Every structure is written in structure tokens, then in C-alpha cells.
Amino acid sequence: MSHPIPAPDSAATPAPRPATIARVVHDVRRRQIGRGRGVAGKREFKSGDAVYALTQIENDGICPRKDFGETLVYRGDAGIIRERWSFLGEIYYTVEFVARAAIVIMRGREMARATR
């Protein structure tokens, strides 16, 4: 004796879940590094501010006409803030160094306000 195969019931089967493409994992402890008492407001810059570099910036392969590892900006070079933007809770600045003909992305802790 054979049993009939039941027809699929759309109400009984759940809808398939969409596949996860990517997952961003953010470590909250990492954001707190380098932030002490009274430091939060000192490194805020806006577009057009004159700054100077506190660190040496080397090419990590992004700058097409420079060799890998070549120094783009030396410590003490003066530049101008072009943009301010954030990514994953960090604030980044696009800085143009006219004397070096370089446009680099820096964090606030890597530069200081220049006196005019």
C-alpha cells in the first residue's frame, strides 16, 4: 500500500533567510587608546585650518607616482585641512601639503594646529 506524498504547503515552510555578506566587528577598547583627560577637544580641526605634521607619513602603496615606503610628508611639514570625515567612529582628515605636492589622510593625533 502506497502513501500519497503531501503537496508542499507554503505556510508550513519558512522563507529562506538572506545570506550575510559581511559583518563588521568593532572593538570598543581600541577606541579608548590615546584618549586621556582633556585630550578630546584639542585635536578637532575644520576645513581650511593650517596644521603641521607630528609624524612622518610614508607611502603604503596608495600614492601611484611614488615608490612604496617613500616618505610623503616629513615631521614639521605644513599643510591645510581639505576634508573631515569619520569611519567606524574615528575621525580622519584629508590634508594637502602644497610644498611636497602630496594629499594624505591623517588622524587628529598625527598633526597639530599651526600658528599663522
PDB file of N, CA and C in Angstrom:
ATOM      1  N   MET A   1       0.838  -1.159   0.000  1.00  0.00           N
ATOM      2  CA  MET A   1       0.000   0.000   0.000  1.00  0.00           C
ATOM      3  C   MET A   1       0.895   1.238   0.000  1.00  0.00           C
ATOM      4  N   SER A   2       0.674   2.101  -0.929  1.00  0.00           N
ATOM      5  CA  SER A   2       1.498   3.299  -1.039  1.00  0.00           C
ATOM      6  C   SER A   2       0.782   4.494  -0.432  1.00  0.00           C
ATOM      7  N   HIS A   3       1.585   5.349   0.152  1.00  0.00           N
ATOM      8  CA  HIS A   3       1.035   6.559   0.760  1.00  0.00           C
ATOM      9  C   HIS A   3       1.259   7.729  -0.189  1.00  0.00           C
ATOM     10  N   PRO A   4       0.299   8.564  -0.334  1.00  0.00           N
ATOM     11  CA  PRO A   4       0.496   9.717  -1.220  1.00  0.00           C
ATOM     12  C   PRO A   4       1.460  10.730  -0.598  1.00  0.00           C
ATOM     13  N   ILE A   5       2.257  11.332  -1.425  1.00  0.00           N
ATOM     14  CA  ILE A   5       3.205  12.358  -0.966  1.00  0.00           C
ATOM     15  C   ILE A   5       2.442  13.672  -0.831  1.00  0.00           C
ATOM     16  N   PRO A   6       2.515  14.276   0.354  1.00  0.00           N
ATOM     17  CA  PRO A   6       1.770  15.522   0.539  1.00  0.00           C
ATOM     18  C   PRO A   6       2.377  16.654  -0.292  1.00  0.00           C
ATOM     19  N   ALA A   7       1.529  17.525  -0.783  1.00  0.00           N
ATOM     20  CA  ALA A   7       1.974  18.694  -1.554  1.00  0.00           C
ATOM     21  C   ALA A   7       2.630  19.692  -0.605  1.00  0.00           C
ATOM     22  N   PRO A   8       3.669  20.378  -1.067  1.00  0.00           N
ATOM     23  CA  PRO A   8       4.317  21.352  -0.182  1.00  0.00           C
ATOM     24  C   PRO A   8       3.359  22.478   0.172  1.00  0.00           C
ATOM     25  N   ASP A   9       3.329  22.780   1.442  1.00  0.00           N
ATOM     26  CA  ASP A   9       2.453  23.837   1.939  1.00  0.00           C
ATOM     27  C   ASP A   9       3.300  25.085   2.167  1.00  0.00           C
ATOM     28  N   SER A  10       2.922  26.196   1.526  1.00  0.00           N
ATOM     29  CA  SER A  10       3.730  27.414   1.630  1.00  0.00           C
ATOM     30  C   SER A  10       3.690  27.989   3.038  1.00  0.00           C
ATOM     31  N   ALA A  11       2.655  27.736   3.797  1.00  0.00           N
ATOM     32  CA  ALA A  11       2.566  28.265   5.153  1.00  0.00           C
ATOM     33  C   ALA A  11       3.444  27.476   6.115  1.00  0.00           C
ATOM     34  N   ALA A  12       3.711  26.229   5.808  1.00  0.00           N
ATOM     35  CA  ALA A  12       4.484  25.387   6.710  1.00  0.00           C
ATOM     36  C   ALA A  12       5.991  25.590   6.560  1.00  0.00           C
ATOM     37  N   THR A  13       6.457  25.973   5.380  1.00  0.00           N
ATOM     38  CA  THR A  13       7.897  26.152   5.177  1.00  0.00           C
ATOM     39  C   THR A  13       8.265  27.615   5.374  1.00  0.00           C
ATOM     40  N   PRO A  14       9.255  27.898   6.195  1.00  0.00           N
ATOM     41  CA  PRO A  14       9.650  29.293   6.416  1.00  0.00           C
ATOM     42  C   PRO A  14      10.394  29.853   5.200  1.00  0.00           C
ATOM     43  N   ALA A  15      10.326  31.167   5.054  1.00  0.00           N
ATOM     44  CA  ALA A  15      11.028  31.832   3.956  1.00  0.00           C
ATOM     45  C   ALA A  15      12.529  31.755   4.203  1.00  0.00           C
ATOM     46  N   PRO A  16      13.321  31.567   3.152  1.00  0.00           N
ATOM     47  CA  PRO A  16      14.775  31.497   3.357  1.00  0.00           C
ATOM     48  C   PRO A  16      15.329  32.840   3.835  1.00  0.00           C
ATOM     49  N   ARG A  17      16.300  32.767   4.728  1.00  0.00           N
ATOM     50  CA  ARG A  17      16.936  33.981   5.252  1.00  0.00           C
ATOM     51  C   ARG A  17      17.967  34.482   4.248  1.00  0.00           C
ATOM     52  N   PRO A  18      18.102  35.797   4.123  1.00  0.00           N
ATOM     53  CA  PRO A  18      19.131  36.315   3.214  1.00  0.00           C
ATOM     54  C   PRO A  18      20.524  35.985   3.743  1.00  0.00           C
ATOM     55  N   ALA A  19      21.426  35.731   2.830  1.00  0.00           N
ATOM     56  CA  ALA A  19      22.799  35.380   3.214  1.00  0.00           C
ATOM     57  C   ALA A  19      23.530  36.617   3.746  1.00  0.00           C
ATOM     58  N   THR A  20      24.337  36.425   4.759  1.00  0.00           N
ATOM     59  CA  THR A  20      25.142  37.506   5.313  1.00  0.00           C
ATOM     60  C   THR A  20      26.325  37.753   4.395  1.00  0.00           C
ATOM     61  N   ILE A  21      26.482  38.992   3.954  1.00  0.00           N
ATOM     62  CA  ILE A  21      27.573  39.333   3.043  1.00  0.00           C
ATOM     63  C   ILE A  21      28.838  39.652   3.830  1.00  0.00           C
ATOM     64  N   ALA A  22      28.724  40.513   4.815  1.00  0.00           N
ATOM     65  CA  ALA A  22      29.892  40.886   5.620  1.00  0.00           C
ATOM     66  C   ALA A  22      29.426  41.285   7.004  1.00  0.00           C
ATOM     67  N   ARG A  23      30.291  41.154   7.944  1.00  0.00           N
ATOM     68  CA  ARG A  23      29.992  41.555   9.309  1.00  0.00           C
ATOM     69  C   ARG A  23      31.133  42.411   9.814  1.00  0.00           C
ATOM     70  N   VAL A  24      30.817  43.588  10.315  1.00  0.00           N
ATOM     71  CA  VAL A  24      31.827  44.500  10.835  1.00  0.00           C
ATOM     72  C   VAL A  24      31.928  44.278  12.331  1.00  0.00           C
ATOM     73  N   VAL A  25      33.116  43.979  12.786  1.00  0.00           N
ATOM     74  CA  VAL A  25      33.359  43.778  14.206  1.00  0.00           C
ATOM     75  C   VAL A  25      34.186  44.954  14.695  1.00  0.00           C
ATOM     76  N   HIS A  26      33.709  45.592  15.734  1.00  0.00           N
ATOM     77  CA  HIS A  26      34.393  46.773  16.244  1.00  0.00           C
ATOM     78  C   HIS A  26      34.754  46.554  17.701  1.00  0.00           C
ATOM     79  N   ASP A  27      35.983  46.777  18.045  1.00  0.00           N
ATOM     80  CA  ASP A  27      36.467  46.600  19.407  1.00  0.00           C
ATOM     81  C   ASP A  27      36.394  47.944  20.120  1.00  0.00           C
ATOM     82  N   VAL A  28      35.529  48.049  21.101  1.00  0.00           N
ATOM     83  CA  VAL A  28      35.336  49.301  21.815  1.00  0.00           C
ATOM     84  C   VAL A  28      36.595  49.703  22.578  1.00  0.00           C
ATOM     85  N   ARG A  29      37.339  48.735  23.091  1.00  0.00           N
ATOM     86  CA  ARG A  29      38.538  49.059  23.860  1.00  0.00           C
ATOM     87  C   ARG A  29      39.578  49.770  23.000  1.00  0.00           C
ATOM     88  N   ARG A  30      39.633  49.451  21.722  1.00  0.00           N
ATOM     89  CA  ARG A  30      40.617  50.061  20.827  1.00  0.00           C
ATOM     90  C   ARG A  30      40.369  51.554  20.646  1.00  0.00           C
ATOM     91  N   ARG A  31      39.116  51.967  20.696  1.00  0.00           N
ATOM     92  CA  ARG A  31      38.781  53.370  20.525  1.00  0.00           C
ATOM     93  C   ARG A  31      39.279  54.221  21.686  1.00  0.00           C
ATOM     94  N   GLN A  32      39.486  53.627  22.834  1.00  0.00           N
ATOM     95  CA  GLN A  32      39.870  54.386  24.015  1.00  0.00           C
ATOM     96  C   GLN A  32      41.367  54.631  24.114  1.00  0.00           C
ATOM     97  N   ILE A  33      42.159  54.007  23.262  1.00  0.00           N
ATOM     98  CA  ILE A  33      43.608  54.156  23.329  1.00  0.00           C
ATOM     99  C   ILE A  33      43.989  55.578  22.953  1.00  0.00           C
ATOM    100  N   GLY A  34      44.813  56.201  23.766  1.00  0.00           N
ATOM    101  CA  GLY A  34      45.318  57.535  23.461  1.00  0.00           C
ATOM    102  C   GLY A  34      44.384  58.661  23.850  1.00  0.00           C
ATOM    103  N   ARG A  35      43.285  58.346  24.474  1.00  0.00           N
ATOM    104  CA  ARG A  35      42.360  59.391  24.891  1.00  0.00           C
ATOM    105  C   ARG A  35      42.444  59.559  26.397  1.00  0.00           C
ATOM    106  N   GLY A  36      43.057  60.601  26.807  1.00  0.00           N
ATOM    107  CA  GLY A  36      43.175  60.874  28.226  1.00  0.00           C
ATOM    108  C   GLY A  36      42.256  62.007  28.624  1.00  0.00           C
ATOM    109  N   ARG A  37      42.409  62.451  29.836  1.00  0.00           N
ATOM    110  CA  ARG A  37      41.582  63.529  30.336  1.00  0.00           C
ATOM    111  C   ARG A  37      41.948  64.836  29.633  1.00  0.00           C
ATOM    112  N   GLY A  38      40.983  65.511  29.065  1.00  0.00           N
ATOM    113  CA  GLY A  38      41.206  66.803  28.426  1.00  0.00           C
ATOM    114  C   GLY A  38      41.763  66.740  27.015  1.00  0.00           C
ATOM    115  N   VAL A  39      41.912  65.569  26.435  1.00  0.00           N
ATOM    116  CA  VAL A  39      42.500  65.451  25.102  1.00  0.00           C
ATOM    117  C   VAL A  39      41.429  65.513  24.017  1.00  0.00           C
ATOM    118  N   ALA A  40      40.181  65.233  24.352  1.00  0.00           N
ATOM    119  CA  ALA A  40      39.136  65.067  23.349  1.00  0.00           C
ATOM    120  C   ALA A  40      38.961  66.273  22.438  1.00  0.00           C
ATOM    121  N   GLY A  41      38.918  67.478  22.953  1.00  0.00           N
ATOM    122  CA  GLY A  41      38.646  68.644  22.123  1.00  0.00           C
ATOM    123  C   GLY A  41      39.860  69.290  21.497  1.00  0.00           C
ATOM    124  N   LYS A  42      41.055  68.906  21.861  1.00  0.00           N
ATOM    125  CA  LYS A  42      42.257  69.574  21.384  1.00  0.00           C
ATOM    126  C   LYS A  42      42.608  69.232  19.946  1.00  0.00           C
ATOM    127  N   ARG A  43      42.217  68.085  19.466  1.00  0.00           N
ATOM    128  CA  ARG A  43      42.595  67.631  18.126  1.00  0.00           C
ATOM    129  C   ARG A  43      41.445  67.750  17.124  1.00  0.00           C
ATOM    130  N   GLU A  44      40.530  68.676  17.343  1.00  0.00           N
ATOM    131  CA  GLU A  44      39.432  68.888  16.410  1.00  0.00           C
ATOM    132  C   GLU A  44      39.823  69.982  15.429  1.00  0.00           C
ATOM    133  N   PHE A  45      39.744  69.666  14.140  1.00  0.00           N
ATOM    134  CA  PHE A  45      40.091  70.615  13.091  1.00  0.00           C
ATOM    135  C   PHE A  45      38.913  70.757  12.149  1.00  0.00           C
ATOM    136  N   LYS A  46      38.875  71.853  11.411  1.00  0.00           N
ATOM    137  CA  LYS A  46      37.843  72.027  10.401  1.00  0.00           C
ATOM    138  C   LYS A  46      38.497  72.365   9.075  1.00  0.00           C
ATOM    139  N   SER A  47      37.726  72.337   8.040  1.00  0.00           N
ATOM    140  CA  SER A  47      38.235  72.579   6.694  1.00  0.00           C
ATOM    141  C   SER A  47      38.865  73.964   6.597  1.00  0.00           C
ATOM    142  N   GLY A  48      40.062  74.028   6.016  1.00  0.00           N
ATOM    143  CA  GLY A  48      40.773  75.292   5.856  1.00  0.00           C
ATOM    144  C   GLY A  48      41.776  75.597   6.954  1.00  0.00           C
ATOM    145  N   ASP A  49      41.812  74.814   8.036  1.00  0.00           N
ATOM    146  CA  ASP A  49      42.774  75.036   9.121  1.00  0.00           C
ATOM    147  C   ASP A  49      44.189  74.705   8.670  1.00  0.00           C
ATOM    148  N   ALA A  50      45.135  75.519   9.109  1.00  0.00           N
ATOM    149  CA  ALA A  50      46.546  75.251   8.841  1.00  0.00           C
ATOM    150  C   ALA A  50      47.075  74.338   9.943  1.00  0.00           C
ATOM    151  N   VAL A  51      47.760  73.267   9.552  1.00  0.00           N
ATOM    152  CA  VAL A  51      48.301  72.294  10.502  1.00  0.00           C
ATOM    153  C   VAL A  51      49.730  71.947  10.121  1.00  0.00           C
ATOM    154  N   TYR A  52      50.433  71.295  11.042  1.00  0.00           N
ATOM    155  CA  TYR A  52      51.734  70.725  10.713  1.00  0.00           C
ATOM    156  C   TYR A  52      51.780  69.290  11.221  1.00  0.00           C
ATOM    157  N   ALA A  53      52.548  68.478  10.534  1.00  0.00           N
ATOM    158  CA  ALA A  53      52.607  67.039  10.821  1.00  0.00           C
ATOM    159  C   ALA A  53      53.461  66.768  12.052  1.00  0.00           C
ATOM    160  N   LEU A  54      52.961  65.903  12.916  1.00  0.00           N
ATOM    161  CA  LEU A  54      53.717  65.459  14.090  1.00  0.00           C
ATOM    162  C   LEU A  54      54.443  64.150  13.822  1.00  0.00           C
ATOM    163  N   THR A  55      54.078  63.478  12.744  1.00  0.00           N
ATOM    164  CA  THR A  55      54.691  62.208  12.389  1.00  0.00           C
ATOM    165  C   THR A  55      55.120  62.219  10.927  1.00  0.00           C
ATOM    166  N   GLN A  56      55.967  61.287  10.591  1.00  0.00           N
ATOM    167  CA  GLN A  56      56.409  61.113   9.211  1.00  0.00           C
ATOM    168  C   GLN A  56      55.440  60.161   8.522  1.00  0.00           C
ATOM    169  N   ILE A  57      54.937  60.542   7.350  1.00  0.00           N
ATOM    170  CA  ILE A  57      53.980  59.727   6.610  1.00  0.00           C
ATOM    171  C   ILE A  57      54.684  59.117   5.404  1.00  0.00           C
ATOM    172  N   GLU A  58      54.613  57.783   5.289  1.00  0.00           N
ATOM    173  CA  GLU A  58      55.249  57.084   4.171  1.00  0.00           C
ATOM    174  C   GLU A  58      54.182  56.495   3.258  1.00  0.00           C
ATOM    175  N   ASN A  59      54.534  56.278   2.005  1.00  0.00           N
ATOM    176  CA  ASN A  59      53.614  55.709   1.034  1.00  0.00           C
ATOM    177  C   ASN A  59      53.375  54.236   1.344  1.00  0.00           C
ATOM    178  N   ASP A  60      52.114  53.881   1.507  1.00  0.00           N
ATOM    179  CA  ASP A  60      51.760  52.485   1.758  1.00  0.00           C
ATOM    180  C   ASP A  60      51.233  51.802   0.501  1.00  0.00           C
ATOM    181  N   GLY A  61      51.487  52.405  -0.649  1.00  0.00           N
ATOM    182  CA  GLY A  61      51.048  51.834  -1.907  1.00  0.00           C
ATOM    183  C   GLY A  61      49.873  52.563  -2.515  1.00  0.00           C
ATOM    184  N   ILE A  62      49.325  53.539  -1.819  1.00  0.00           N
ATOM    185  CA  ILE A  62      48.156  54.274  -2.303  1.00  0.00           C
ATOM    186  C   ILE A  62      48.559  55.346  -3.313  1.00  0.00           C
ATOM    187  N   CYS A  63      49.638  56.028  -3.067  1.00  0.00           N
ATOM    188  CA  CYS A  63      50.080  57.113  -3.945  1.00  0.00           C
ATOM    189  C   CYS A  63      50.728  56.506  -5.198  1.00  0.00           C
ATOM    190  N   PRO A  64      50.157  56.722  -6.386  1.00  0.00           N
ATOM    191  CA  PRO A  64      50.600  55.982  -7.565  1.00  0.00           C
ATOM    192  C   PRO A  64      51.959  56.386  -8.126  1.00  0.00           C
ATOM    193  N   ARG A  65      52.355  57.632  -7.994  1.00  0.00           N
ATOM    194  CA  ARG A  65      53.611  58.081  -8.624  1.00  0.00           C
ATOM    195  C   ARG A  65      54.806  58.074  -7.676  1.00  0.00           C
ATOM    196  N   LYS A  66      54.648  57.442  -6.538  1.00  0.00           N
ATOM    197  CA  LYS A  66      55.734  57.365  -5.551  1.00  0.00           C
ATOM    198  C   LYS A  66      56.062  55.898  -5.286  1.00  0.00           C
ATOM    199  N   ASP A  67      57.292  55.643  -4.884  1.00  0.00           N
ATOM    200  CA  ASP A  67      57.706  54.284  -4.547  1.00  0.00           C
ATOM    201  C   ASP A  67      57.105  53.857  -3.212  1.00  0.00           C
ATOM    202  N   PHE A  68      56.926  52.564  -3.063  1.00  0.00           N
ATOM    203  CA  PHE A  68      56.415  52.007  -1.813  1.00  0.00           C
ATOM    204  C   PHE A  68      57.423  52.286  -0.700  1.00  0.00           C
ATOM    205  N   GLY A  69      56.968  52.868   0.406  1.00  0.00           N
ATOM    206  CA  GLY A  69      57.847  53.189   1.528  1.00  0.00           C
ATOM    207  C   GLY A  69      58.510  54.552   1.421  1.00  0.00           C
ATOM    208  N   GLU A  70      58.341  55.240   0.317  1.00  0.00           N
ATOM    209  CA  GLU A  70      58.928  56.569   0.155  1.00  0.00           C
ATOM    210  C   GLU A  70      58.195  57.560   1.067  1.00  0.00           C
ATOM    211  N   THR A  71      58.936  58.459   1.671  1.00  0.00           N
ATOM    212  CA  THR A  71      58.350  59.429   2.583  1.00  0.00           C
ATOM    213  C   THR A  71      57.581  60.483   1.798  1.00  0.00           C
ATOM    214  N   LEU A  72      56.297  60.652   2.149  1.00  0.00           N
ATOM    215  CA  LEU A  72      55.452  61.653   1.511  1.00  0.00           C
ATOM    216  C   LEU A  72      55.469  62.966   2.274  1.00  0.00           C
ATOM    217  N   VAL A  73      55.422  62.878   3.609  1.00  0.00           N
ATOM    218  CA  VAL A  73      55.378  64.054   4.473  1.00  0.00           C
ATOM    219  C   VAL A  73      56.346  63.841   5.619  1.00  0.00           C
ATOM    220  N   TYR A  74      57.187  64.832   5.877  1.00  0.00           N
ATOM    221  CA  TYR A  74      58.126  64.774   6.997  1.00  0.00           C
ATOM    222  C   TYR A  74      57.528  65.470   8.209  1.00  0.00           C
ATOM    223  N   ARG A  75      58.055  65.145   9.359  1.00  0.00           N
ATOM    224  CA  ARG A  75      57.609  65.780  10.598  1.00  0.00           C
ATOM    225  C   ARG A  75      57.899  67.276  10.524  1.00  0.00           C
ATOM    226  N   GLY A  76      56.895  68.084  10.826  1.00  0.00           N
ATOM    227  CA  GLY A  76      57.038  69.531  10.803  1.00  0.00           C
ATOM    228  C   GLY A  76      56.562  70.189   9.523  1.00  0.00           C
ATOM    229  N   ASP A  77      56.220  69.409   8.499  1.00  0.00           N
ATOM    230  CA  ASP A  77      55.703  69.981   7.251  1.00  0.00           C
ATOM    231  C   ASP A  77      54.334  70.606   7.489  1.00  0.00           C
ATOM    232  N   ALA A  78      54.099  71.749   6.840  1.00  0.00           N
ATOM    233  CA  ALA A  78      52.839  72.478   6.994  1.00  0.00           C
ATOM    234  C   ALA A  78      51.860  72.072   5.908  1.00  0.00           C
ATOM    235  N   GLY A  79      50.593  71.982   6.275  1.00  0.00           N
ATOM    236  CA  GLY A  79      49.552  71.615   5.325  1.00  0.00           C
ATOM    237  C   GLY A  79      48.242  72.289   5.667  1.00  0.00           C
ATOM    238  N   ILE A  80      47.227  72.031   4.844  1.00  0.00           N
ATOM    239  CA  ILE A  80      45.907  72.616   5.021  1.00  0.00           C
ATOM    240  C   ILE A  80      44.871  71.491   5.003  1.00  0.00           C
ATOM    241  N   ILE A  81      43.938  71.549   5.952  1.00  0.00           N
ATOM    242  CA  ILE A  81      42.865  70.567   6.022  1.00  0.00           C
ATOM    243  C   ILE A  81      41.905  70.811   4.860  1.00  0.00           C
ATOM    244  N   ARG A  82      41.626  69.766   4.089  1.00  0.00           N
ATOM    245  CA  ARG A  82      40.682  69.875   2.974  1.00  0.00           C
ATOM    246  C   ARG A  82      39.324  69.276   3.341  1.00  0.00           C
ATOM    247  N   GLU A  83      39.307  68.136   4.037  1.00  0.00           N
ATOM    248  CA  GLU A  83      38.065  67.460   4.402  1.00  0.00           C
ATOM    249  C   GLU A  83      38.174  66.868   5.793  1.00  0.00           C
ATOM    250  N   ARG A  84      37.024  66.690   6.411  1.00  0.00           N
ATOM    251  CA  ARG A  84      36.936  65.990   7.691  1.00  0.00           C
ATOM    252  C   ARG A  84      35.835  64.957   7.541  1.00  0.00           C
ATOM    253  N   TRP A  85      36.128  63.698   7.869  1.00  0.00           N
ATOM    254  CA  TRP A  85      35.154  62.632   7.747  1.00  0.00           C
ATOM    255  C   TRP A  85      35.410  61.573   8.792  1.00  0.00           C
ATOM    256  N   SER A  86      34.451  60.693   8.990  1.00  0.00           N
ATOM    257  CA  SER A  86      34.602  59.654  10.010  1.00  0.00           C
ATOM    258  C   SER A  86      34.351  58.284   9.395  1.00  0.00           C
ATOM    259  N   PHE A  87      35.017  57.298   9.980  1.00  0.00           N
ATOM    260  CA  PHE A  87      34.875  55.909   9.564  1.00  0.00           C
ATOM    261  C   PHE A  87      35.018  55.038  10.796  1.00  0.00           C
ATOM    262  N   LEU A  88      34.003  54.267  11.100  1.00  0.00           N
ATOM    263  CA  LEU A  88      33.973  53.373  12.265  1.00  0.00           C
ATOM    264  C   LEU A  88      34.300  54.103  13.560  1.00  0.00           C
ATOM    265  N   GLY A  89      33.757  55.275  13.721  1.00  0.00           N
ATOM    266  CA  GLY A  89      33.926  56.021  14.963  1.00  0.00           C
ATOM    267  C   GLY A  89      35.203  56.824  15.068  1.00  0.00           C
ATOM    268  N   GLU A  90      36.108  56.719  14.139  1.00  0.00           N
ATOM    269  CA  GLU A  90      37.344  57.509  14.125  1.00  0.00           C
ATOM    270  C   GLU A  90      37.172  58.681  13.172  1.00  0.00           C
ATOM    271  N   ILE A  91      37.730  59.830  13.518  1.00  0.00           N
ATOM    272  CA  ILE A  91      37.678  60.997  12.649  1.00  0.00           C
ATOM    273  C   ILE A  91      38.986  61.070  11.869  1.00  0.00           C
ATOM    274  N   TYR A  92      38.870  61.223  10.562  1.00  0.00           N
ATOM    275  CA  TYR A  92      40.020  61.331   9.674  1.00  0.00           C
ATOM    276  C   TYR A  92      39.968  62.664   8.940  1.00  0.00           C
ATOM    277  N   TYR A  93      41.131  63.128   8.520  1.00  0.00           N
ATOM    278  CA  TYR A  93      41.240  64.388   7.806  1.00  0.00           C
ATOM    279  C   TYR A  93      42.024  64.173   6.515  1.00  0.00           C
ATOM    280  N   THR A  94      41.564  64.814   5.441  1.00  0.00           N
ATOM    281  CA  THR A  94      42.320  64.842   4.202  1.00  0.00           C
ATOM    282  C   THR A  94      43.129  66.122   4.235  1.00  0.00           C
ATOM    283  N   VAL A  95      44.455  65.987   4.208  1.00  0.00           N
ATOM    284  CA  VAL A  95      45.358  67.126   4.371  1.00  0.00           C
ATOM    285  C   VAL A  95      46.194  67.287   3.110  1.00  0.00           C
ATOM    286  N   GLU A  96      46.274  68.523   2.625  1.00  0.00           N
ATOM    287  CA  GLU A  96      47.079  68.819   1.448  1.00  0.00           C
ATOM    288  C   GLU A  96      48.362  69.522   1.877  1.00  0.00           C
ATOM    289  N   PHE A  97      49.482  68.941   1.497  1.00  0.00           N
ATOM    290  CA  PHE A  97      50.796  69.528   1.748  1.00  0.00           C
ATOM    291  C   PHE A  97      51.302  70.069   0.415  1.00  0.00           C
ATOM    292  N   VAL A  98      51.171  71.375   0.215  1.00  0.00           N
ATOM    293  CA  VAL A  98      51.467  72.004  -1.069  1.00  0.00           C
ATOM    294  C   VAL A  98      52.960  71.925  -1.389  1.00  0.00           C
ATOM    295  N   ALA A  99      53.825  72.163  -0.424  1.00  0.00           N
ATOM    296  CA  ALA A  99      55.267  72.155  -0.662  1.00  0.00           C
ATOM    297  C   ALA A  99      55.760  70.778  -1.113  1.00  0.00           C
ATOM    298  N   ARG A 100      55.116  69.716  -0.652  1.00  0.00           N
ATOM    299  CA  ARG A 100      55.507  68.345  -1.007  1.00  0.00           C
ATOM    300  C   ARG A 100      54.677  67.783  -2.153  1.00  0.00           C
ATOM    301  N   ALA A 101      53.658  68.526  -2.601  1.00  0.00           N
ATOM    302  CA  ALA A 101      52.737  68.073  -3.646  1.00  0.00           C
ATOM    303  C   ALA A 101      52.113  66.737  -3.268  1.00  0.00           C
ATOM    304  N   ALA A 102      51.608  66.659  -2.029  1.00  0.00           N
ATOM    305  CA  ALA A 102      51.026  65.414  -1.525  1.00  0.00           C
ATOM    306  C   ALA A 102      49.702  65.698  -0.830  1.00  0.00           C
ATOM    307  N   ILE A 103      48.755  64.809  -1.033  1.00  0.00           N
ATOM    308  CA  ILE A 103      47.482  64.837  -0.316  1.00  0.00           C
ATOM    309  C   ILE A 103      47.392  63.513   0.425  1.00  0.00           C
ATOM    310  N   VAL A 104      47.322  63.582   1.757  1.00  0.00           N
ATOM    311  CA  VAL A 104      47.328  62.377   2.578  1.00  0.00           C
ATOM    312  C   VAL A 104      46.144  62.387   3.536  1.00  0.00           C
ATOM    313  N   ILE A 105      45.818  61.214   4.068  1.00  0.00           N
ATOM    314  CA  ILE A 105      44.771  61.065   5.067  1.00  0.00           C
ATOM    315  C   ILE A 105      45.449  60.871   6.414  1.00  0.00           C
ATOM    316  N   MET A 106      45.050  61.690   7.392  1.00  0.00           N
ATOM    317  CA  MET A 106      45.686  61.654   8.707  1.00  0.00           C
ATOM    318  C   MET A 106      44.625  61.653   9.800  1.00  0.00           C
ATOM    319  N   ARG A 107      45.028  61.189  10.980  1.00  0.00           N
ATOM    320  CA  ARG A 107      44.192  61.291  12.172  1.00  0.00           C
ATOM    321  C   ARG A 107      44.571  62.562  12.917  1.00  0.00           C
ATOM    322  N   GLY A 108      43.714  62.983  13.821  1.00  0.00           N
ATOM    323  CA  GLY A 108      43.950  64.202  14.577  1.00  0.00           C
ATOM    324  C   GLY A 108      45.199  64.152  15.440  1.00  0.00           C
ATOM    325  N   ARG A 109      45.525  62.972  15.940  1.00  0.00           N
ATOM    326  CA  ARG A 109      46.696  62.850  16.813  1.00  0.00           C
ATOM    327  C   ARG A 109      48.012  62.909  16.041  1.00  0.00           C
ATOM    328  N   GLU A 110      47.966  62.859  14.706  1.00  0.00           N
ATOM    329  CA  GLU A 110      49.164  62.898  13.890  1.00  0.00           C
ATOM    330  C   GLU A 110      49.525  64.308  13.425  1.00  0.00           C
ATOM    331  N   MET A 111      48.738  65.312  13.860  1.00  0.00           N
ATOM    332  CA  MET A 111      49.007  66.684  13.456  1.00  0.00           C
ATOM    333  C   MET A 111      48.617  67.650  14.562  1.00  0.00           C
ATOM    334  N   ALA A 112      49.115  68.873  14.429  1.00  0.00           N
ATOM    335  CA  ALA A 112      48.815  69.923  15.401  1.00  0.00           C
ATOM    336  C   ALA A 112      48.491  71.205  14.647  1.00  0.00           C
ATOM    337  N   ARG A 113      47.776  72.093  15.312  1.00  0.00           N
ATOM    338  CA  ARG A 113      47.397  73.366  14.710  1.00  0.00           C
ATOM    339  C   ARG A 113      48.616  74.247  14.528  1.00  0.00           C
ATOM    340  N   ALA A 114      48.735  74.832  13.346  1.00  0.00           N
ATOM    341  CA  ALA A 114      49.870  75.713  13.038  1.00  0.00           C
ATOM    342  C   ALA A 114      49.480  77.152  13.363  1.00  0.00           C
ATOM    343  N   THR A 115      50.449  77.919  13.825  1.00  0.00           N
ATOM    344  CA  THR A 115      50.189  79.338  14.082  1.00  0.00           C
ATOM    345  C   THR A 115      50.386  80.087  12.780  1.00  0.00           C
ATOM    346  N   ARG A 116      49.536  81.058  12.542  1.00  0.00           N
ATOM    347  CA  ARG A 116      49.597  81.790  11.274  1.00  0.00           C
ATOM    348  C   ARG A 116      50.510  82.971  11.382  1.00  0.00           C
TER     349      ARG A 116
END
